[in-house]
Amino acid sequence: MKHLLKISFLFIIIFSPAANAQMQTETDTISGNTYTISMDKKVSDLLAEYQENCTETGTKPNINVPGRNLSKAELCQQNPKIMGYKIQIAVVNNNDEARDLGLEFRKKFPNMKVEIDASLRPNYRIMAGSYFTKESASGDLKKVKEFFKSAIPVQYRVFCVEAK
């Protein structure tokens, strides 16, 4: 009997605050979605009072959306480094081999910039050129494939002003 009284007393203590809770339907002020929550009447009243006194004190962000397509110079000014494409000449596992391959590439294609990427150590990627799209890389890729059969276009970070 004592245990039954203790259990019922604990049950009343634990679940009595839930009895005072009420279902509240609110509307999200940002997205406009409605949602239902269960809260105490006091919390609901405080929330309503807070929302009534709430005024917008911050300034709206100034977002400039031009009504025209931006030029390459304007794009590059806003984002100097973008995701574009480079031609991956080869992947080797030796730094000396990567440098030798880079020098060989420079001799055959002196007008294209070569970069050795060591972020995949122990492998080194030899990358050439900078392009906005795969299509813009395709012309140079055909020329490069004549000498380096494993060359492929890969998505990579490029400096906007260098990209074709």
N, C-alpha and C. Protein backbone atom coordinates (compact mmCIF):
# COMPACT_ATOMS: atom_id res chain seq x y z
N MET A 1 0.82 -1.19 0.00
CA MET A 1 0.00 0.00 0.00
C MET A 1 0.87 1.26 0.00
N LYS A 2 1.96 1.23 0.81
CA LYS A 2 2.85 2.39 0.87
C LYS A 2 3.46 2.65 -0.51
N HIS A 3 3.83 1.57 -1.18
CA HIS A 3 4.44 1.73 -2.51
C HIS A 3 3.45 2.31 -3.50
N LEU A 4 2.20 1.89 -3.39
CA LEU A 4 1.18 2.42 -4.29
C LEU A 4 0.97 3.91 -4.06
N LEU A 5 0.99 4.34 -2.80
CA LEU A 5 0.85 5.77 -2.50
C LEU A 5 2.05 6.56 -3.03
N LYS A 6 3.26 6.00 -2.85
CA LYS A 6 4.46 6.68 -3.34
C LYS A 6 4.43 6.81 -4.86
N ILE A 7 4.03 5.75 -5.52
CA ILE A 7 3.99 5.78 -6.98
C ILE A 7 2.94 6.77 -7.47
N SER A 8 1.79 6.76 -6.87
CA SER A 8 0.73 7.69 -7.29
C SER A 8 1.14 9.13 -6.98
N PHE A 9 1.82 9.36 -5.86
CA PHE A 9 2.29 10.71 -5.51
C PHE A 9 3.31 11.19 -6.54
N LEU A 10 4.27 10.31 -6.91
CA LEU A 10 5.25 10.67 -7.93
C LEU A 10 4.56 10.95 -9.27
N PHE A 11 3.57 10.15 -9.59
CA PHE A 11 2.84 10.33 -10.84
C PHE A 11 2.16 11.70 -10.87
N ILE A 12 1.57 12.10 -9.78
CA ILE A 12 0.89 13.40 -9.70
C ILE A 12 1.91 14.54 -9.81
N ILE A 13 3.04 14.39 -9.13
CA ILE A 13 4.06 15.45 -9.15
C ILE A 13 4.66 15.61 -10.57
N ILE A 14 4.92 14.48 -11.20
CA ILE A 14 5.57 14.53 -12.50
C ILE A 14 4.62 15.02 -13.58
N PHE A 15 3.39 14.54 -13.60
CA PHE A 15 2.50 14.84 -14.70
C PHE A 15 1.50 15.96 -14.44
N SER A 16 1.50 16.57 -13.28
CA SER A 16 0.56 17.66 -13.03
C SER A 16 0.91 18.92 -13.82
N PRO A 17 2.19 19.25 -14.02
CA PRO A 17 2.46 20.42 -14.87
C PRO A 17 1.96 20.22 -16.30
N ALA A 18 1.97 18.98 -16.78
CA ALA A 18 1.50 18.71 -18.14
C ALA A 18 0.00 18.91 -18.25
N ALA A 19 -0.69 18.76 -17.13
CA ALA A 19 -2.14 18.95 -17.14
C ALA A 19 -2.48 20.42 -17.37
N ASN A 20 -1.62 21.33 -16.93
CA ASN A 20 -1.86 22.75 -17.13
C ASN A 20 -1.48 23.22 -18.53
N ALA A 21 -0.75 22.38 -19.25
CA ALA A 21 -0.30 22.75 -20.59
C ALA A 21 -1.49 22.72 -21.55
N GLN A 22 -1.43 23.57 -22.53
CA GLN A 22 -2.48 23.59 -23.53
C GLN A 22 -1.86 23.55 -24.91
N MET A 23 -2.64 23.09 -25.86
CA MET A 23 -2.18 23.03 -27.23
C MET A 23 -2.26 24.43 -27.82
N GLN A 24 -1.19 24.85 -28.44
CA GLN A 24 -1.10 26.21 -28.98
C GLN A 24 -0.73 26.09 -30.46
N THR A 25 -1.45 26.73 -31.32
CA THR A 25 -1.12 26.74 -32.75
C THR A 25 -0.49 28.08 -33.06
N GLU A 26 0.71 28.03 -33.62
CA GLU A 26 1.46 29.25 -33.94
C GLU A 26 1.79 29.25 -35.42
N THR A 27 2.11 30.40 -35.94
CA THR A 27 2.55 30.55 -37.33
C THR A 27 3.97 31.07 -37.32
N ASP A 28 4.83 30.40 -38.06
CA ASP A 28 6.23 30.81 -38.17
C ASP A 28 6.30 32.16 -38.87
N THR A 29 7.02 33.11 -38.27
CA THR A 29 7.06 34.46 -38.83
C THR A 29 7.93 34.57 -40.06
N ILE A 30 8.83 33.62 -40.27
CA ILE A 30 9.72 33.70 -41.43
C ILE A 30 9.14 32.96 -42.62
N SER A 31 8.83 31.67 -42.43
CA SER A 31 8.36 30.87 -43.57
C SER A 31 6.84 30.84 -43.69
N GLY A 32 6.12 31.20 -42.65
CA GLY A 32 4.67 31.20 -42.70
C GLY A 32 4.04 29.86 -42.42
N ASN A 33 4.83 28.85 -42.06
CA ASN A 33 4.30 27.52 -41.75
C ASN A 33 3.62 27.54 -40.39
N THR A 34 2.57 26.74 -40.24
CA THR A 34 1.91 26.64 -38.95
C THR A 34 2.40 25.39 -38.23
N TYR A 35 2.48 25.47 -36.93
CA TYR A 35 2.91 24.34 -36.12
C TYR A 35 2.14 24.37 -34.81
N THR A 36 2.03 23.22 -34.17
CA THR A 36 1.30 23.10 -32.92
C THR A 36 2.26 22.66 -31.83
N ILE A 37 2.23 23.38 -30.72
CA ILE A 37 3.09 23.03 -29.59
C ILE A 37 2.24 22.98 -28.32
N SER A 38 2.75 22.28 -27.33
CA SER A 38 2.08 22.18 -26.04
C SER A 38 2.88 22.98 -25.04
N MET A 39 2.24 23.99 -24.43
CA MET A 39 2.96 24.82 -23.46
C MET A 39 2.02 25.27 -22.35
N ASP A 40 2.62 25.68 -21.27
CA ASP A 40 1.89 26.19 -20.13
C ASP A 40 1.24 27.52 -20.50
N LYS A 41 0.13 27.85 -19.87
CA LYS A 41 -0.60 29.09 -20.14
C LYS A 41 0.27 30.31 -19.84
N LYS A 42 1.06 30.24 -18.79
CA LYS A 42 1.93 31.37 -18.43
C LYS A 42 2.97 31.62 -19.52
N VAL A 43 3.54 30.53 -20.04
CA VAL A 43 4.54 30.67 -21.10
C VAL A 43 3.87 31.24 -22.35
N SER A 44 2.68 30.78 -22.65
CA SER A 44 1.95 31.27 -23.81
C SER A 44 1.68 32.77 -23.68
N ASP A 45 1.27 33.21 -22.47
CA ASP A 45 1.00 34.63 -22.25
C ASP A 45 2.28 35.46 -22.38
N LEU A 46 3.39 34.97 -21.83
CA LEU A 46 4.65 35.70 -21.94
C LEU A 46 5.11 35.80 -23.39
N LEU A 47 4.94 34.73 -24.13
CA LEU A 47 5.33 34.73 -25.53
C LEU A 47 4.48 35.73 -26.32
N ALA A 48 3.19 35.74 -26.07
CA ALA A 48 2.31 36.69 -26.75
C ALA A 48 2.68 38.13 -26.41
N GLU A 49 2.98 38.39 -25.14
CA GLU A 49 3.39 39.74 -24.72
C GLU A 49 4.70 40.16 -25.40
N TYR A 50 5.63 39.23 -25.47
CA TYR A 50 6.92 39.51 -26.12
C TYR A 50 6.72 39.82 -27.60
N GLN A 51 5.86 39.04 -28.27
CA GLN A 51 5.62 39.26 -29.69
C GLN A 51 4.91 40.59 -29.95
N GLU A 52 4.05 41.01 -29.05
CA GLU A 52 3.36 42.30 -29.22
C GLU A 52 4.34 43.46 -29.09
N ASN A 53 5.30 43.34 -28.16
CA ASN A 53 6.25 44.43 -27.93
C ASN A 53 7.43 44.41 -28.89
N CYS A 54 7.52 43.35 -29.65
CA CYS A 54 8.65 43.20 -30.55
C CYS A 54 8.49 44.13 -31.75
N THR A 55 9.52 44.91 -31.98
CA THR A 55 9.54 45.77 -33.17
C THR A 55 10.83 45.49 -33.90
N GLU A 56 10.80 45.69 -35.18
CA GLU A 56 11.97 45.41 -35.99
C GLU A 56 12.93 46.60 -35.85
N THR A 57 14.08 46.36 -35.20
CA THR A 57 15.05 47.44 -35.00
C THR A 57 16.22 47.33 -35.96
N GLY A 58 16.46 46.14 -36.48
CA GLY A 58 17.60 45.95 -37.39
C GLY A 58 17.29 46.50 -38.77
N THR A 59 18.31 46.67 -39.54
CA THR A 59 18.12 47.14 -40.91
C THR A 59 18.07 45.94 -41.84
N LYS A 60 17.36 46.08 -42.91
CA LYS A 60 17.28 45.00 -43.89
C LYS A 60 18.59 44.95 -44.65
N PRO A 61 19.04 43.73 -45.01
CA PRO A 61 20.29 43.62 -45.75
C PRO A 61 20.16 44.25 -47.14
N ASN A 62 21.24 44.87 -47.57
CA ASN A 62 21.27 45.50 -48.87
C ASN A 62 21.80 44.48 -49.88
N ILE A 63 20.90 43.87 -50.63
CA ILE A 63 21.29 42.87 -51.61
C ILE A 63 21.14 43.50 -52.99
N ASN A 64 22.25 43.58 -53.69
CA ASN A 64 22.26 44.18 -55.00
C ASN A 64 22.13 43.10 -56.06
N VAL A 65 20.99 43.07 -56.73
CA VAL A 65 20.77 42.09 -57.79
C VAL A 65 20.64 42.88 -59.09
N PRO A 66 21.67 42.83 -59.91
CA PRO A 66 21.60 43.60 -61.15
C PRO A 66 20.58 42.99 -62.11
N GLY A 67 20.00 43.84 -62.93
CA GLY A 67 19.01 43.40 -63.89
C GLY A 67 19.63 42.93 -65.19
N ARG A 68 20.92 42.68 -65.20
CA ARG A 68 21.61 42.25 -66.40
C ARG A 68 22.66 41.21 -66.03
N ASN A 69 23.21 40.54 -67.03
CA ASN A 69 24.30 39.60 -66.78
C ASN A 69 25.57 40.37 -66.46
N LEU A 70 26.28 39.91 -65.45
CA LEU A 70 27.52 40.58 -65.07
C LEU A 70 28.64 40.22 -66.04
N SER A 71 29.53 41.17 -66.26
CA SER A 71 30.68 40.90 -67.12
C SER A 71 31.68 40.03 -66.36
N LYS A 72 32.64 39.49 -67.09
CA LYS A 72 33.67 38.65 -66.46
C LYS A 72 34.43 39.45 -65.41
N ALA A 73 34.74 40.70 -65.70
CA ALA A 73 35.48 41.53 -64.75
C ALA A 73 34.67 41.76 -63.47
N GLU A 74 33.35 42.00 -63.62
CA GLU A 74 32.51 42.21 -62.44
C GLU A 74 32.39 40.94 -61.61
N LEU A 75 32.25 39.79 -62.30
CA LEU A 75 32.19 38.52 -61.58
C LEU A 75 33.49 38.26 -60.82
N CYS A 76 34.62 38.51 -61.48
CA CYS A 76 35.92 38.25 -60.86
C CYS A 76 36.18 39.19 -59.70
N GLN A 77 35.63 40.40 -59.77
CA GLN A 77 35.81 41.34 -58.67
C GLN A 77 35.07 40.84 -57.43
N GLN A 78 33.88 40.25 -57.63
CA GLN A 78 33.09 39.75 -56.50
C GLN A 78 33.64 38.43 -55.96
N ASN A 79 34.11 37.55 -56.85
CA ASN A 79 34.60 36.22 -56.45
C ASN A 79 35.93 35.96 -57.13
N PRO A 80 37.05 36.32 -56.52
CA PRO A 80 38.33 36.12 -57.19
C PRO A 80 38.69 34.65 -57.41
N LYS A 81 38.26 33.77 -56.53
CA LYS A 81 38.56 32.35 -56.68
C LYS A 81 37.24 31.60 -56.77
N ILE A 82 37.05 30.87 -57.86
CA ILE A 82 35.79 30.20 -58.11
C ILE A 82 36.04 28.72 -58.39
N MET A 83 34.95 27.95 -58.40
CA MET A 83 35.06 26.56 -58.82
C MET A 83 34.94 26.53 -60.33
N GLY A 84 35.98 26.06 -60.96
CA GLY A 84 36.01 25.95 -62.41
C GLY A 84 36.58 24.60 -62.77
N TYR A 85 37.37 24.56 -63.83
CA TYR A 85 37.97 23.31 -64.28
C TYR A 85 39.43 23.51 -64.62
N LYS A 86 40.20 22.48 -64.43
CA LYS A 86 41.58 22.40 -64.86
C LYS A 86 41.75 21.08 -65.59
N ILE A 87 42.79 21.01 -66.40
CA ILE A 87 43.09 19.75 -67.08
C ILE A 87 44.10 19.00 -66.21
N GLN A 88 43.70 17.83 -65.74
CA GLN A 88 44.59 16.99 -64.95
C GLN A 88 45.44 16.18 -65.92
N ILE A 89 46.74 16.48 -65.93
CA ILE A 89 47.66 15.83 -66.86
C ILE A 89 47.93 14.40 -66.40
N ALA A 90 48.27 14.25 -65.13
CA ALA A 90 48.57 12.91 -64.60
C ALA A 90 48.55 12.97 -63.08
N VAL A 91 48.53 11.79 -62.48
CA VAL A 91 48.67 11.64 -61.03
C VAL A 91 49.85 10.71 -60.80
N VAL A 92 50.84 11.21 -60.07
CA VAL A 92 52.04 10.41 -59.80
C VAL A 92 52.26 10.38 -58.28
N ASN A 93 53.11 9.45 -57.83
CA ASN A 93 53.31 9.33 -56.38
C ASN A 93 54.71 9.77 -55.96
N ASN A 94 55.34 10.62 -56.76
CA ASN A 94 56.68 11.07 -56.44
C ASN A 94 56.79 12.54 -56.83
N ASN A 95 57.28 13.37 -55.94
CA ASN A 95 57.39 14.80 -56.19
C ASN A 95 58.35 15.09 -57.35
N ASP A 96 59.46 14.37 -57.42
CA ASP A 96 60.43 14.59 -58.50
C ASP A 96 59.80 14.26 -59.86
N GLU A 97 59.05 13.17 -59.90
CA GLU A 97 58.38 12.78 -61.13
C GLU A 97 57.33 13.83 -61.53
N ALA A 98 56.65 14.39 -60.54
CA ALA A 98 55.65 15.42 -60.81
C ALA A 98 56.32 16.66 -61.40
N ARG A 99 57.46 17.07 -60.82
CA ARG A 99 58.17 18.24 -61.34
C ARG A 99 58.68 17.99 -62.76
N ASP A 100 59.21 16.81 -63.01
CA ASP A 100 59.70 16.48 -64.35
C ASP A 100 58.57 16.50 -65.38
N LEU A 101 57.43 15.95 -65.00
CA LEU A 101 56.27 15.95 -65.89
C LEU A 101 55.77 17.37 -66.15
N GLY A 102 55.81 18.19 -65.09
CA GLY A 102 55.42 19.60 -65.23
C GLY A 102 56.35 20.34 -66.18
N LEU A 103 57.65 20.09 -66.08
CA LEU A 103 58.62 20.73 -66.99
C LEU A 103 58.41 20.26 -68.43
N GLU A 104 58.17 18.99 -68.60
CA GLU A 104 57.92 18.45 -69.94
C GLU A 104 56.68 19.10 -70.55
N PHE A 105 55.64 19.26 -69.71
CA PHE A 105 54.41 19.89 -70.19
C PHE A 105 54.67 21.35 -70.58
N ARG A 106 55.44 22.07 -69.77
CA ARG A 106 55.74 23.48 -70.07
C ARG A 106 56.50 23.65 -71.38
N LYS A 107 57.37 22.68 -71.70
CA LYS A 107 58.11 22.74 -72.95
C LYS A 107 57.17 22.57 -74.15
N LYS A 108 56.17 21.69 -74.00
CA LYS A 108 55.26 21.43 -75.11
C LYS A 108 54.15 22.49 -75.21
N PHE A 109 53.75 23.03 -74.07
CA PHE A 109 52.67 24.03 -74.01
C PHE A 109 53.12 25.22 -73.17
N PRO A 110 53.96 26.10 -73.73
CA PRO A 110 54.50 27.21 -72.94
C PRO A 110 53.45 28.27 -72.56
N ASN A 111 52.32 28.31 -73.26
CA ASN A 111 51.31 29.32 -72.95
C ASN A 111 50.31 28.88 -71.88
N MET A 112 50.42 27.67 -71.37
CA MET A 112 49.51 27.18 -70.34
C MET A 112 50.22 27.10 -68.99
N LYS A 113 49.54 27.57 -67.97
CA LYS A 113 50.09 27.53 -66.62
C LYS A 113 49.96 26.12 -66.04
N VAL A 114 51.02 25.65 -65.39
CA VAL A 114 51.03 24.31 -64.80
C VAL A 114 51.11 24.45 -63.28
N GLU A 115 50.37 23.58 -62.60
CA GLU A 115 50.34 23.60 -61.14
C GLU A 115 50.47 22.17 -60.64
N ILE A 116 51.26 21.98 -59.58
CA ILE A 116 51.39 20.66 -58.97
C ILE A 116 50.62 20.70 -57.66
N ASP A 117 49.63 19.83 -57.54
CA ASP A 117 48.78 19.77 -56.36
C ASP A 117 49.21 18.59 -55.49
N ALA A 118 49.66 18.90 -54.27
CA ALA A 118 50.13 17.85 -53.36
C ALA A 118 49.12 17.56 -52.26
N SER A 119 47.87 17.96 -52.44
CA SER A 119 46.87 17.77 -51.40
C SER A 119 46.46 16.31 -51.23
N LEU A 120 46.79 15.46 -52.19
CA LEU A 120 46.44 14.04 -52.10
C LEU A 120 47.65 13.18 -51.75
N ARG A 121 48.54 13.70 -50.96
CA ARG A 121 49.78 12.97 -50.65
C ARG A 121 49.47 11.56 -50.20
N PRO A 122 50.23 10.63 -50.63
CA PRO A 122 51.53 10.67 -51.29
C PRO A 122 51.43 10.90 -52.79
N ASN A 123 50.23 11.12 -53.33
CA ASN A 123 50.07 11.35 -54.76
C ASN A 123 50.16 12.84 -55.08
N TYR A 124 50.64 13.15 -56.25
CA TYR A 124 50.75 14.51 -56.73
C TYR A 124 49.99 14.61 -58.05
N ARG A 125 49.16 15.65 -58.17
CA ARG A 125 48.40 15.86 -59.41
C ARG A 125 49.05 17.00 -60.18
N ILE A 126 49.27 16.79 -61.47
CA ILE A 126 49.78 17.84 -62.33
C ILE A 126 48.58 18.42 -63.07
N MET A 127 48.30 19.71 -62.82
CA MET A 127 47.13 20.39 -63.36
C MET A 127 47.57 21.51 -64.29
N ALA A 128 46.79 21.72 -65.35
CA ALA A 128 47.13 22.77 -66.31
C ALA A 128 45.90 23.57 -66.69
N GLY A 129 46.12 24.86 -66.97
CA GLY A 129 45.06 25.74 -67.44
C GLY A 129 44.06 26.10 -66.36
N SER A 130 43.16 27.01 -66.69
CA SER A 130 42.05 27.42 -65.83
C SER A 130 40.87 27.73 -66.73
N TYR A 131 39.74 27.10 -66.44
CA TYR A 131 38.57 27.22 -67.32
C TYR A 131 37.31 27.39 -66.49
N PHE A 132 36.36 28.11 -67.07
CA PHE A 132 35.07 28.27 -66.41
C PHE A 132 34.24 27.00 -66.50
N THR A 133 34.27 26.33 -67.65
CA THR A 133 33.44 25.14 -67.87
C THR A 133 34.26 24.04 -68.53
N LYS A 134 33.70 22.83 -68.54
CA LYS A 134 34.34 21.71 -69.24
C LYS A 134 34.44 22.00 -70.73
N GLU A 135 33.39 22.63 -71.25
CA GLU A 135 33.35 22.93 -72.68
C GLU A 135 34.48 23.88 -73.07
N SER A 136 34.76 24.87 -72.22
CA SER A 136 35.83 25.81 -72.55
C SER A 136 37.20 25.13 -72.44
N ALA A 137 37.30 24.04 -71.70
CA ALA A 137 38.57 23.30 -71.57
C ALA A 137 38.75 22.30 -72.71
N SER A 138 37.69 21.99 -73.43
CA SER A 138 37.75 20.90 -74.41
C SER A 138 38.73 21.16 -75.55
N GLY A 139 38.86 22.41 -76.00
CA GLY A 139 39.80 22.71 -77.07
C GLY A 139 41.24 22.42 -76.68
N ASP A 140 41.65 22.92 -75.52
CA ASP A 140 43.00 22.65 -75.03
C ASP A 140 43.18 21.18 -74.67
N LEU A 141 42.12 20.55 -74.19
CA LEU A 141 42.21 19.15 -73.80
C LEU A 141 42.56 18.27 -74.99
N LYS A 142 41.96 18.56 -76.15
CA LYS A 142 42.28 17.77 -77.36
C LYS A 142 43.76 17.87 -77.70
N LYS A 143 44.31 19.09 -77.60
CA LYS A 143 45.74 19.29 -77.90
C LYS A 143 46.62 18.56 -76.89
N VAL A 144 46.24 18.63 -75.62
CA VAL A 144 47.04 18.01 -74.55
C VAL A 144 46.99 16.49 -74.67
N LYS A 145 45.83 15.93 -75.03
CA LYS A 145 45.68 14.47 -75.13
C LYS A 145 46.57 13.86 -76.20
N GLU A 146 47.02 14.67 -77.15
CA GLU A 146 47.93 14.15 -78.17
C GLU A 146 49.24 13.68 -77.54
N PHE A 147 49.66 14.36 -76.47
CA PHE A 147 50.93 14.03 -75.82
C PHE A 147 50.73 13.30 -74.49
N PHE A 148 49.64 13.62 -73.79
CA PHE A 148 49.37 13.02 -72.47
C PHE A 148 48.00 12.36 -72.54
N LYS A 149 47.99 11.06 -72.79
CA LYS A 149 46.75 10.31 -73.05
C LYS A 149 45.82 10.27 -71.83
N SER A 150 46.36 10.36 -70.63
CA SER A 150 45.54 10.25 -69.42
C SER A 150 44.93 11.58 -68.98
N ALA A 151 45.10 12.64 -69.76
CA ALA A 151 44.59 13.96 -69.38
C ALA A 151 43.06 13.98 -69.38
N ILE A 152 42.50 14.57 -68.32
CA ILE A 152 41.04 14.70 -68.20
C ILE A 152 40.72 16.05 -67.57
N PRO A 153 39.53 16.60 -67.84
CA PRO A 153 39.12 17.83 -67.14
C PRO A 153 38.57 17.47 -65.76
N VAL A 154 38.98 18.22 -64.74
CA VAL A 154 38.50 17.99 -63.38
C VAL A 154 38.05 19.31 -62.77
N GLN A 155 37.04 19.22 -61.94
CA GLN A 155 36.57 20.43 -61.24
C GLN A 155 37.61 20.81 -60.21
N TYR A 156 37.93 22.10 -60.17
CA TYR A 156 39.03 22.55 -59.31
C TYR A 156 38.85 24.04 -59.07
N ARG A 157 39.46 24.54 -58.03
CA ARG A 157 39.40 25.97 -57.75
C ARG A 157 40.34 26.70 -58.71
N VAL A 158 39.85 27.79 -59.27
CA VAL A 158 40.65 28.56 -60.22
C VAL A 158 40.52 30.04 -59.89
N PHE A 159 41.54 30.79 -60.25
CA PHE A 159 41.45 32.24 -60.15
C PHE A 159 40.63 32.73 -61.33
N CYS A 160 39.63 33.48 -61.04
CA CYS A 160 38.67 33.92 -62.05
C CYS A 160 39.35 34.67 -63.19
N VAL A 161 40.31 35.53 -62.87
CA VAL A 161 40.94 36.35 -63.91
C VAL A 161 41.79 35.51 -64.86
N GLU A 162 42.23 34.32 -64.45
CA GLU A 162 43.03 33.45 -65.30
C GLU A 162 42.19 32.53 -66.17
N ALA A 163 40.93 32.36 -65.79
CA ALA A 163 40.07 31.37 -66.47
C ALA A 163 39.65 31.84 -67.86
N LYS A 164 39.48 30.85 -68.76
CA LYS A 164 39.00 31.11 -70.12
C LYS A 164 37.54 30.82 -70.21
